[in-house]
Amino acid sequence: MVFKNEKQLKEFLLAKCKVAIAQAEEKIYRVIDGALKQYYSEFEPSEYIRTQQLLHSLVKSNIKKIGNGYEAE
């Protein structure tokens, strides 16, 4: 791919970075979610009522463009 100017190159790279960051965020979320679910399933008795506050504290952040960079909400 040939870029005519620096602006085209930056736009291309920012678009690719946004996708890569979103994919990395999703993968990290899945790994942490799986680890937390495994953590909570290891305790006995299984009838014991747990708050699962740690499990429910895991949230996805929305990445949004701010100026020349990105920010997670």
Protein backbone atom coordinates (compact mmCIF):
# COMPACT_ATOMS: atom_id res chain seq x y z
CA MET A 1 0.00 0.00 0.00
CA VAL A 2 1.31 3.43 -0.91
CA PHE A 3 0.42 6.51 1.11
CA LYS A 4 0.30 9.93 -0.53
CA ASN A 5 1.02 11.85 2.63
CA GLU A 6 1.58 11.59 6.36
CA LYS A 7 -2.12 12.15 7.12
CA GLN A 8 -3.13 9.05 5.14
CA LEU A 9 -0.48 7.00 6.94
CA LYS A 10 -1.67 8.20 10.36
CA GLU A 11 -5.32 7.48 9.53
CA PHE A 12 -4.41 3.99 8.35
CA LEU A 13 -2.32 3.24 11.44
CA LEU A 14 -4.93 4.63 13.85
CA ALA A 15 -7.64 2.50 12.25
CA LYS A 16 -5.48 -0.63 12.53
CA CYS A 17 -4.48 0.22 16.12
CA LYS A 18 -8.10 0.69 17.16
CA VAL A 19 -8.97 -2.78 15.90
CA ALA A 20 -5.89 -4.32 17.57
CA ILE A 21 -6.65 -2.63 20.90
CA ALA A 22 -10.27 -3.78 20.82
CA GLN A 23 -9.19 -7.36 20.09
CA ALA A 24 -6.60 -7.28 22.89
CA GLU A 25 -9.17 -5.87 25.30
CA GLU A 26 -11.64 -8.64 24.40
CA LYS A 27 -8.99 -11.35 24.86
CA ILE A 28 -7.91 -9.94 28.24
CA TYR A 29 -11.54 -9.74 29.33
CA ARG A 30 -12.15 -13.39 28.40
CA VAL A 31 -9.02 -14.57 30.25
CA ILE A 32 -9.86 -12.65 33.43
CA ASP A 33 -13.52 -13.69 33.26
CA GLY A 34 -12.52 -17.34 32.93
CA ALA A 35 -10.04 -17.09 35.82
CA LEU A 36 -12.64 -15.47 38.08
CA LYS A 37 -15.26 -18.09 37.24
CA GLN A 38 -12.74 -20.84 37.98
CA TYR A 39 -11.81 -19.13 41.26
CA TYR A 40 -15.43 -19.02 42.39
CA SER A 41 -16.10 -22.62 41.37
CA GLU A 42 -13.26 -24.00 43.54
CA PHE A 43 -14.93 -23.41 46.88
CA GLU A 44 -16.95 -25.87 48.93
CA PRO A 45 -19.70 -26.19 49.85
CA SER A 46 -21.14 -25.25 46.50
CA GLU A 47 -24.37 -24.18 48.23
CA TYR A 48 -22.55 -21.46 50.14
CA ILE A 49 -23.90 -18.12 49.00
CA ARG A 50 -21.08 -15.89 47.86
CA THR A 51 -21.39 -12.25 46.96
CA GLN A 52 -19.35 -12.75 43.76
CA GLN A 53 -18.56 -9.07 44.01
CA LEU A 54 -15.15 -9.62 42.39
CA LEU A 55 -16.71 -11.51 39.47
CA HIS A 56 -19.32 -8.82 38.86
CA SER A 57 -16.77 -6.02 39.13
CA LEU A 58 -15.24 -7.04 35.79
CA VAL A 59 -16.54 -4.68 33.13
CA LYS A 60 -15.60 -3.92 29.57
CA SER A 61 -14.53 -0.40 28.83
CA ASN A 62 -15.45 1.37 25.65
CA ILE A 63 -12.48 2.78 23.80
CA LYS A 64 -13.13 6.17 22.29
CA LYS A 65 -11.00 8.58 20.31
CA ILE A 66 -9.94 11.68 22.21
CA GLY A 67 -7.98 14.22 20.20
CA ASN A 68 -4.93 12.46 18.81
CA GLY A 69 -5.25 9.43 21.07
CA TYR A 70 -7.69 7.00 22.62
CA GLU A 71 -9.26 6.70 26.05
CA ALA A 72 -11.03 3.85 27.82
CA GLU A 73 -14.19 4.71 29.72
